[in-house]
Amino acid sequence: MRTPKDEGGAGVPSKDSDTTLLLATWNLRDFGRKGARGHGERTLEALYYIAAFISAFDLVAVQEVNDDLDLFNTLKRILGRDWDFIATDTSPGKPGNDERMVFLFDTRKVRFRSIAGEITLLEDELIRLNEQRAEIPPGGKLILADGTESDIPPGAVLKLPDGSKILSGQQFVRTPFLVSFQAGWFKFNLCTVHMLYGEGRAGLEQRTREIAQIARVFQSRAAAERRRNKEKKRDEDANEAYIVLGDFNIEKVGHATMNALLDNGFAMAEELQNAPTNMFQTKHYDQIAVLKGHGVVRQRKGLAGVLDVFQVVFRASSDDVAVLKPRDRAKLPLAGASDFDAYFDQMGESAMRDRHDKRRSFDNGVSVNAGDPRTREQAREWYASAWRTYQMSDHLPMWTALEIDFRTEYLKKTEQEALARLGPQA
């Protein structure tokens, strides 16, 4: 068996049309948002790079595709006629940010099985935080058990205990997207997510509960499927696998955000559990997780990981971050060479190349304010830490290789069933 060290492309094996499915997930930062946050437009060059990385896989879950699909349609044309996609509607407003979630797949390997839908929660599944509050509108009355009414002071808030169902609770901020696919012999249900990040303690709590809740939804769905197949006297092979992947905004190994998956019936390959996926490789935001004990999923040992695209395109070197404080640049994953000079003119499409957009502190006690001129050295740092992420992404693609050829097991099972029907005389 080939190993990552034997292959190019950071361990991603060559596409094999018979035995292996290469599955990936990639958050493409603000993809299609015009002049994303003032950083200028994505270039055609960047689109060709993105298409090249995507085409190394068979099926890719993509997050942060914007409402406007012009850029995405250009990407699709670059990928070519063998590629198709299935997309959600947008998640409107904040914090949904009018984003879509998309599955891109190579039709030579992957087949859509005509089942797709966005996951919504039932009343008893809604996400409820530890402390629930409801504002009482003006004119509200408190009615006691004996029928006595009393006025409620203006601005009063009703506070409920954890777990109470008197309030409706919340749906997912961005609706998870489930699609059924088949590759070779492998039938599976794939759900992509982009969980809330949120601010502060309350944001972290809601994020953790969103992650736990999507896991519980599929635990419940799988249990119902097992009961149904048992009633119909089908064997366990009839249970179809559930895989959840995407941007969970997981902090790190051992954190509550990762445990929300692990404690609710899901598992991931060791290579993925320990792999950070942000550009600076300090956070474990993205993940590919499989529901345990339901269906057959065979991940090829040693063939999974994160692809550091910035080692080959839009490279940054130590020269680009020399202005940072030593502690800020000490562990940055950098390439051996820089492409800064090649893109300097393109960076000029944004005024931020020449002027700072916020207050910053650099090495040797240098501080700047919004609107101050950038030195060329400071522009190098902006290229490395910000501008290039709006050309590619601030996330790296995560991938795994799955077995899809079950012929040997099928023939063995068929032979055993035939012998059982023939009885002892066989």
Protein backbone atom coordinates (compact mmCIF):
# COMPACT_ATOMS: atom_id res chain seq x y z
CA MET A 1 0.00 0.00 0.00
CA ARG A 2 1.22 3.48 -0.83
CA THR A 3 1.86 5.85 2.07
CA PRO A 4 1.91 9.63 2.23
CA LYS A 5 5.71 9.63 2.14
CA ASP A 6 5.66 7.73 -1.14
CA GLU A 7 3.37 10.20 -2.91
CA GLY A 8 3.56 13.78 -4.05
CA GLY A 9 1.04 16.39 -3.00
CA ALA A 10 1.58 16.02 0.75
CA GLY A 11 0.46 12.42 0.75
CA VAL A 12 -2.64 12.68 -1.44
CA PRO A 13 -2.57 9.54 -3.64
CA SER A 14 -3.38 9.51 -7.32
CA LYS A 15 -7.08 9.18 -8.10
CA ASP A 16 -8.06 5.51 -8.51
CA SER A 17 -11.35 4.92 -10.31
CA ASP A 18 -11.88 1.40 -8.94
CA THR A 19 -10.93 1.08 -5.30
CA THR A 20 -10.63 4.42 -3.51
CA LEU A 21 -12.72 7.53 -2.92
CA LEU A 22 -10.76 10.68 -2.13
CA LEU A 23 -13.04 12.77 0.09
CA ALA A 24 -12.18 16.32 1.16
CA THR A 25 -13.59 19.40 2.87
CA TRP A 26 -12.49 22.99 2.31
CA ASN A 27 -13.76 26.31 3.61
CA LEU A 28 -13.10 28.77 0.76
CA ARG A 29 -13.07 32.08 2.55
CA ASP A 30 -15.80 34.51 1.39
CA PHE A 31 -15.95 32.77 -1.99
CA GLY A 32 -17.80 35.03 -4.41
CA ARG A 33 -18.12 38.02 -2.07
CA LYS A 34 -17.28 41.09 -4.12
CA GLY A 35 -14.11 42.79 -2.91
CA ALA A 36 -14.18 40.58 0.17
CA ARG A 37 -13.79 42.84 3.19
CA GLY A 38 -11.71 45.30 1.20
CA HIS A 39 -9.02 42.84 0.12
CA GLY A 40 -9.79 43.07 -3.61
CA GLU A 41 -11.18 40.49 -6.03
CA ARG A 42 -10.01 36.90 -6.43
CA THR A 43 -7.89 36.57 -9.53
CA LEU A 44 -8.35 34.05 -12.33
CA GLU A 45 -4.94 32.66 -11.39
CA ALA A 46 -6.21 31.86 -7.89
CA LEU A 47 -9.29 30.14 -9.34
CA TYR A 48 -7.08 27.87 -11.44
CA TYR A 49 -5.05 26.96 -8.34
CA ILE A 50 -8.22 26.22 -6.35
CA ALA A 51 -9.55 24.08 -9.21
CA ALA A 52 -6.26 22.18 -9.39
CA PHE A 53 -6.41 21.28 -5.70
CA ILE A 54 -10.09 20.33 -5.83
CA SER A 55 -9.53 18.16 -8.90
CA ALA A 56 -7.05 16.04 -6.92
CA PHE A 57 -10.07 14.65 -5.04
CA ASP A 58 -13.29 12.90 -6.06
CA LEU A 59 -15.79 14.63 -3.76
CA VAL A 60 -15.29 17.92 -1.92
CA ALA A 61 -17.55 19.66 0.60
CA VAL A 62 -17.12 23.42 0.23
CA GLN A 63 -18.20 26.03 2.78
CA GLU A 64 -18.56 29.84 2.52
CA VAL A 65 -19.77 29.93 -1.08
CA ASN A 66 -21.49 33.28 -1.36
CA ASP A 67 -25.00 34.06 -2.60
CA ASP A 68 -23.59 35.35 -5.90
CA LEU A 69 -22.55 32.24 -7.86
CA ASP A 70 -20.69 33.98 -10.71
CA LEU A 71 -17.25 33.14 -9.31
CA PHE A 72 -18.33 29.62 -8.41
CA ASN A 73 -19.63 29.04 -11.93
CA THR A 74 -16.26 30.12 -13.30
CA LEU A 75 -14.59 27.61 -10.99
CA LYS A 76 -16.99 24.93 -12.20
CA ARG A 77 -16.10 25.68 -15.84
CA ILE A 78 -12.40 25.39 -15.03
CA LEU A 79 -13.00 22.00 -13.40
CA GLY A 80 -14.62 20.80 -16.61
CA ARG A 81 -17.60 18.79 -17.79
CA ASP A 82 -16.88 15.76 -15.57
CA TRP A 83 -17.65 17.79 -12.44
CA ASP A 84 -21.08 18.54 -11.02
CA PHE A 85 -22.34 20.16 -7.83
CA ILE A 86 -25.26 20.30 -5.40
CA ALA A 87 -25.73 23.47 -3.34
CA THR A 88 -27.94 24.81 -0.57
CA ASP A 89 -29.84 28.03 -0.57
CA THR A 90 -28.20 30.81 1.42
CA SER A 91 -28.29 31.26 5.18
CA PRO A 92 -29.50 34.88 5.26
CA GLY A 93 -28.35 37.70 7.50
CA LYS A 94 -25.82 37.57 10.30
CA PRO A 95 -24.20 35.32 11.36
CA GLY A 96 -25.28 33.17 8.39
CA ASN A 97 -23.64 35.75 6.08
CA ASP A 98 -25.65 34.68 3.02
CA GLU A 99 -23.45 31.60 2.65
CA ARG A 100 -24.16 28.43 0.73
CA MET A 101 -22.73 24.98 1.32
CA VAL A 102 -21.80 22.97 -1.75
CA PHE A 103 -20.75 19.46 -2.72
CA LEU A 104 -18.52 19.33 -5.79
CA PHE A 105 -18.03 15.84 -7.22
CA ASP A 106 -16.35 14.08 -10.11
CA THR A 107 -19.14 12.23 -11.90
CA ARG A 108 -16.68 9.63 -13.19
CA LYS A 109 -16.40 8.34 -9.63
CA VAL A 110 -19.35 9.65 -7.63
CA ARG A 111 -23.09 9.36 -8.21
CA PHE A 112 -25.79 11.49 -6.58
CA ARG A 113 -28.52 9.17 -5.28
CA SER A 114 -31.34 11.73 -5.59
CA ILE A 115 -31.64 12.41 -1.85
CA ALA A 116 -30.71 15.84 -0.49
CA GLY A 117 -31.97 18.11 2.25
CA GLU A 118 -31.09 20.69 4.87
CA ILE A 119 -31.22 19.49 8.47
CA THR A 120 -33.66 21.28 10.74
CA LEU A 121 -34.33 20.46 14.37
CA LEU A 122 -37.56 19.28 15.95
CA GLU A 123 -38.99 21.09 18.97
CA ASP A 124 -37.31 18.81 21.50
CA GLU A 125 -33.99 18.98 19.61
CA LEU A 126 -33.63 22.77 19.48
CA ILE A 127 -30.42 24.27 20.79
CA ARG A 128 -30.92 25.75 24.24
CA LEU A 129 -28.20 27.45 26.23
CA ASN A 130 -27.72 27.09 29.97
CA GLU A 131 -29.54 30.31 30.64
CA GLN A 132 -32.65 31.17 28.63
CA ARG A 133 -34.12 34.63 28.75
CA ALA A 134 -37.28 36.08 27.25
CA GLU A 135 -38.07 39.79 27.23
CA ILE A 136 -41.59 40.60 28.42
CA PRO A 137 -43.31 43.00 26.00
CA PRO A 138 -44.96 46.19 27.39
CA GLY A 139 -48.40 45.52 28.84
CA GLY A 140 -47.59 41.93 29.80
CA LYS A 141 -49.43 40.49 32.81
CA LEU A 142 -48.50 37.88 35.38
CA ILE A 143 -51.47 35.61 36.14
CA LEU A 144 -51.26 33.64 39.40
CA ALA A 145 -52.85 30.27 40.07
CA ASP A 146 -55.91 31.89 41.68
CA GLY A 147 -56.52 34.07 38.63
CA THR A 148 -55.12 37.24 40.15
CA GLU A 149 -53.38 39.47 37.60
CA SER A 150 -50.47 41.77 38.31
CA ASP A 151 -48.49 44.14 36.13
CA ILE A 152 -44.96 43.21 35.04
CA PRO A 153 -42.43 46.02 35.44
CA PRO A 154 -41.12 47.48 32.14
CA GLY A 155 -37.92 45.81 30.96
CA ALA A 156 -38.49 42.68 33.03
CA VAL A 157 -36.91 39.46 31.70
CA LEU A 158 -38.12 35.89 32.21
CA LYS A 159 -35.23 33.59 33.10
CA LEU A 160 -35.67 29.82 32.70
CA PRO A 161 -33.61 26.88 33.99
CA ASP A 162 -31.34 24.79 31.78
CA GLY A 163 -33.20 22.27 29.63
CA SER A 164 -36.57 23.98 29.84
CA LYS A 165 -38.73 23.62 26.72
CA ILE A 166 -41.04 26.52 27.33
CA LEU A 167 -38.94 28.56 24.91
CA SER A 168 -38.53 27.52 21.31
CA GLY A 169 -34.75 27.43 21.34
CA GLN A 170 -32.63 27.87 18.22
CA GLN A 171 -32.00 26.14 14.92
CA PHE A 172 -28.51 25.87 13.46
CA VAL A 173 -27.19 29.26 12.40
CA ARG A 174 -26.21 27.73 9.04
CA THR A 175 -28.35 24.75 8.14
CA PRO A 176 -26.33 21.52 7.74
CA PHE A 177 -26.67 19.93 4.31
CA LEU A 178 -27.16 16.17 3.86
CA VAL A 179 -26.75 14.40 0.51
CA SER A 180 -26.71 10.69 -0.35
CA PHE A 181 -23.94 9.54 -2.69
CA GLN A 182 -22.52 6.33 -4.09
CA ALA A 183 -18.99 5.58 -5.23
CA GLY A 184 -18.31 2.06 -6.43
CA TRP A 185 -19.99 -0.28 -3.95
CA PHE A 186 -20.01 2.32 -1.20
CA LYS A 187 -23.35 4.01 -0.41
CA PHE A 188 -23.14 6.79 2.15
CA ASN A 189 -24.87 9.85 3.57
CA LEU A 190 -22.68 12.94 3.68
CA CYS A 191 -23.50 16.01 5.76
CA THR A 192 -21.51 19.22 5.50
CA VAL A 193 -21.61 21.88 8.22
CA HIS A 194 -20.35 25.35 8.99
CA MET A 195 -20.95 25.82 12.69
CA LEU A 196 -21.32 29.16 14.44
CA TYR A 197 -18.08 30.62 15.75
CA GLY A 198 -19.61 33.20 18.06
CA GLU A 199 -18.01 35.59 20.48
CA GLY A 200 -17.07 35.07 24.10
CA ARG A 201 -18.34 32.43 26.47
CA ALA A 202 -21.90 32.42 25.13
CA GLY A 203 -20.68 32.01 21.56
CA LEU A 204 -18.45 29.09 22.51
CA GLU A 205 -21.31 27.44 24.37
CA GLN A 206 -23.65 27.75 21.40
CA ARG A 207 -20.97 26.46 19.02
CA THR A 208 -20.35 23.42 21.21
CA ARG A 209 -24.05 22.67 21.43
CA GLU A 210 -24.48 22.99 17.67
CA ILE A 211 -21.73 20.41 17.14
CA ALA A 212 -23.20 18.05 19.73
CA GLN A 213 -26.69 18.43 18.30
CA ILE A 214 -25.81 17.50 14.73
CA ALA A 215 -24.09 14.39 16.10
CA ARG A 216 -27.19 13.48 18.13
CA VAL A 217 -29.46 14.01 15.13
CA PHE A 218 -27.58 11.34 13.20
CA GLN A 219 -27.35 9.04 16.21
CA SER A 220 -31.14 9.15 16.42
CA ARG A 221 -31.61 8.75 12.67
CA ALA A 222 -29.25 5.79 12.54
CA ALA A 223 -30.97 4.07 15.47
CA ALA A 224 -34.33 4.37 13.67
CA GLU A 225 -32.78 2.97 10.50
CA ARG A 226 -31.37 -0.03 12.38
CA ARG A 227 -34.76 -0.76 13.93
CA ARG A 228 -36.44 -0.54 10.55
CA ASN A 229 -33.94 -2.84 8.86
CA LYS A 230 -34.18 -5.33 11.72
CA GLU A 231 -37.97 -5.42 11.39
CA LYS A 232 -37.56 -6.14 7.68
CA LYS A 233 -35.00 -8.86 8.49
CA ARG A 234 -32.19 -7.10 6.64
CA ASP A 235 -28.62 -7.66 7.74
CA GLU A 236 -26.32 -4.93 9.00
CA ASP A 237 -24.97 -4.24 5.52
CA ALA A 238 -28.28 -2.47 4.81
CA ASN A 239 -27.32 0.31 7.25
CA GLU A 240 -25.79 3.19 5.30
CA ALA A 241 -22.87 5.15 6.73
CA TYR A 242 -23.15 8.72 8.02
CA ILE A 243 -20.20 11.05 7.58
CA VAL A 244 -20.21 14.63 8.87
CA LEU A 245 -17.55 16.99 7.56
CA GLY A 246 -16.85 20.67 7.21
CA ASP A 247 -15.96 23.67 9.33
CA PHE A 248 -16.94 22.86 12.91
CA ASN A 249 -14.78 25.67 14.32
CA ILE A 250 -13.17 23.10 16.61
CA GLU A 251 -10.49 24.65 18.79
CA LYS A 252 -8.09 21.78 19.44
CA VAL A 253 -7.74 18.16 20.54
CA GLY A 254 -9.35 17.61 23.95
CA HIS A 255 -11.40 20.81 23.75
CA ALA A 256 -15.16 20.76 24.36
CA THR A 257 -15.76 21.54 20.69
CA MET A 258 -13.99 18.35 19.58
CA ASN A 259 -15.43 16.28 22.43
CA ALA A 260 -18.92 17.32 21.30
CA LEU A 261 -18.36 14.98 18.33
CA LEU A 262 -16.36 12.27 20.09
CA ASP A 263 -18.80 12.01 23.03
CA ASN A 264 -21.82 11.70 20.75
CA GLY A 265 -21.01 8.66 18.68
CA PHE A 266 -18.60 10.01 16.06
CA ALA A 267 -14.95 9.19 15.43
CA MET A 268 -12.25 10.46 13.12
CA ALA A 269 -8.97 9.05 11.87
CA GLU A 270 -6.02 9.78 14.14
CA GLU A 271 -4.29 11.64 11.31
CA LEU A 272 -7.28 14.00 11.12
CA GLN A 273 -7.94 14.38 14.82
CA ASN A 274 -4.42 15.71 15.31
CA ALA A 275 -4.30 17.91 12.19
CA PRO A 276 -4.82 21.69 12.47
CA THR A 277 -6.51 23.20 9.42
CA ASN A 278 -6.20 26.98 9.62
CA MET A 279 -3.49 28.61 7.52
CA PHE A 280 -1.26 29.16 10.55
CA GLN A 281 -1.92 25.54 11.65
CA THR A 282 -2.88 26.47 15.20
CA LYS A 283 -6.60 25.52 15.16
CA HIS A 284 -8.46 22.30 14.36
CA TYR A 285 -11.44 24.05 12.78
CA ASP A 286 -12.29 21.44 10.14
CA GLN A 287 -12.98 17.72 10.50
CA ILE A 288 -14.22 14.58 8.77
CA ALA A 289 -16.06 12.38 11.28
CA VAL A 290 -17.81 9.02 10.88
CA LEU A 291 -20.74 7.72 12.94
CA LYS A 292 -19.51 4.61 14.77
CA GLY A 293 -21.31 1.27 14.68
CA HIS A 294 -23.54 2.07 11.72
CA GLY A 295 -22.79 1.11 8.15
CA VAL A 296 -19.43 0.20 6.71
CA VAL A 297 -16.76 2.88 6.33
CA ARG A 298 -13.21 1.76 5.60
CA GLN A 299 -10.66 4.52 5.79
CA ARG A 300 -7.38 3.54 4.19
CA LYS A 301 -4.78 3.50 6.95
CA GLY A 302 -2.25 6.30 6.74
CA LEU A 303 -4.02 8.02 3.85
CA ALA A 304 -5.56 11.14 5.39
CA GLY A 305 -4.37 14.59 6.29
CA VAL A 306 -4.34 18.30 5.56
CA LEU A 307 -2.93 19.76 2.36
CA ASP A 308 -0.80 22.87 2.93
CA VAL A 309 -1.50 24.67 -0.34
CA PHE A 310 0.71 27.59 0.66
CA GLN A 311 3.80 25.48 0.26
CA VAL A 312 3.32 25.66 -3.52
CA VAL A 313 1.16 28.73 -4.32
CA PHE A 314 1.04 32.25 -2.82
CA ARG A 315 4.07 31.30 -0.76
CA ALA A 316 5.34 33.32 2.19
CA SER A 317 8.77 33.04 3.77
CA SER A 318 10.45 34.29 6.93
CA ASP A 319 11.26 37.53 5.08
CA ASP A 320 7.54 38.32 4.90
CA VAL A 321 6.98 38.14 8.65
CA ALA A 322 10.24 39.67 9.83
CA VAL A 323 8.39 42.69 11.24
CA LEU A 324 6.35 40.54 13.65
CA LYS A 325 7.29 40.13 17.27
CA PRO A 326 9.49 37.03 17.75
CA ARG A 327 6.77 35.13 19.64
CA ASP A 328 4.29 35.79 16.80
CA ARG A 329 6.55 34.48 14.05
CA ALA A 330 8.29 31.66 15.91
CA LYS A 331 5.98 28.80 14.91
CA LEU A 332 4.44 30.05 11.66
CA PRO A 333 4.45 27.39 8.89
CA LEU A 334 6.33 29.16 6.11
CA ALA A 335 7.64 28.16 2.69
CA GLY A 336 11.28 28.33 1.64
CA ALA A 337 10.59 31.15 -0.81
CA SER A 338 8.23 34.12 -1.10
CA ASP A 339 5.91 35.16 -3.95
CA PHE A 340 5.33 38.62 -2.47
CA ASP A 341 7.07 40.55 -5.26
CA ALA A 342 5.02 38.76 -7.93
CA TYR A 343 1.75 39.91 -6.37
CA PHE A 344 2.66 43.35 -5.07
CA ASP A 345 0.95 45.20 -7.94
CA GLN A 346 -2.22 43.06 -7.65
CA MET A 347 -2.35 43.85 -3.93
CA GLY A 348 -2.64 47.51 -4.93
CA GLU A 349 -6.27 46.90 -5.91
CA SER A 350 -6.92 47.27 -2.19
CA ALA A 351 -6.08 50.50 -0.39
CA MET A 352 -5.01 48.33 2.53
CA ARG A 353 -1.77 47.47 0.74
CA ASP A 354 -0.54 51.01 1.39
CA ARG A 355 -2.40 51.94 4.58
CA HIS A 356 -3.17 50.04 7.76
CA ASP A 357 -6.78 49.05 8.33
CA LYS A 358 -6.48 48.72 12.11
CA ARG A 359 -4.23 49.32 15.08
CA ARG A 360 -1.25 46.96 15.13
CA SER A 361 1.95 46.37 17.08
CA PHE A 362 5.14 45.06 15.49
CA ASP A 363 8.65 44.19 16.64
CA ASN A 364 11.01 46.74 18.18
CA GLY A 365 8.14 48.69 19.77
CA VAL A 366 6.61 49.81 16.46
CA SER A 367 2.88 50.62 16.71
CA VAL A 368 0.54 51.88 13.99
CA ASN A 369 -3.05 53.11 13.83
CA ALA A 370 -5.74 52.68 11.18
CA GLY A 371 -4.92 54.92 8.22
CA ASP A 372 -1.17 55.08 8.87
CA PRO A 373 1.04 54.31 5.84
CA ARG A 374 2.40 50.76 5.55
CA THR A 375 6.09 50.33 4.97
CA ARG A 376 7.01 47.77 2.31
CA GLU A 377 8.07 45.38 5.09
CA GLN A 378 4.67 45.79 6.75
CA ALA A 379 2.98 45.21 3.38
CA ARG A 380 4.87 41.90 3.18
CA GLU A 381 3.33 40.87 6.49
CA TRP A 382 -0.14 41.88 5.29
CA TYR A 383 0.40 39.73 2.18
CA ALA A 384 1.41 36.75 4.34
CA SER A 385 -1.25 37.01 7.04
CA ALA A 386 -4.27 38.42 5.19
CA TRP A 387 -4.25 39.23 1.46
CA ARG A 388 -3.37 35.77 0.16
CA THR A 389 -6.11 34.17 2.30
CA TYR A 390 -8.68 36.06 0.22
CA GLN A 391 -7.11 34.61 -2.93
CA MET A 392 -7.02 31.03 -1.63
CA SER A 393 -8.45 30.69 1.91
CA ASP A 394 -7.55 30.98 5.58
CA HIS A 395 -8.43 27.25 5.81
CA LEU A 396 -6.53 24.31 4.34
CA PRO A 397 -8.27 21.36 2.65
CA MET A 398 -8.64 18.25 4.82
CA TRP A 399 -8.93 14.87 3.09
CA THR A 400 -9.21 11.14 3.61
CA ALA A 401 -9.16 8.05 1.39
CA LEU A 402 -12.06 5.56 1.67
CA GLU A 403 -12.31 2.06 0.24
CA ILE A 404 -15.20 1.60 -2.20
CA ASP A 405 -14.57 -1.89 -3.65
CA PHE A 406 -16.50 -4.49 -1.62
CA ARG A 407 -16.53 -7.24 -4.27
CA THR A 408 -14.49 -9.72 -2.25
CA GLU A 409 -16.78 -9.46 0.78
CA TYR A 410 -19.88 -9.69 -1.41
CA LEU A 411 -18.70 -12.83 -3.19
CA LYS A 412 -17.70 -14.46 0.09
CA LYS A 413 -21.06 -13.67 1.64
CA THR A 414 -22.90 -14.97 -1.44
CA GLU A 415 -20.91 -18.20 -1.30
CA GLN A 416 -21.70 -18.69 2.40
CA GLU A 417 -25.41 -18.10 1.80
CA ALA A 418 -25.41 -20.62 -1.06
CA LEU A 419 -23.68 -23.25 1.07
CA ALA A 420 -26.15 -22.64 3.91
CA ARG A 421 -29.08 -23.24 1.54
CA LEU A 422 -27.55 -26.49 0.29
CA GLY A 423 -27.21 -27.81 3.81
CA PRO A 424 -24.85 -30.45 5.26
CA GLN A 425 -24.68 -32.45 1.98
CA ALA A 426 -22.67 -29.59 0.46
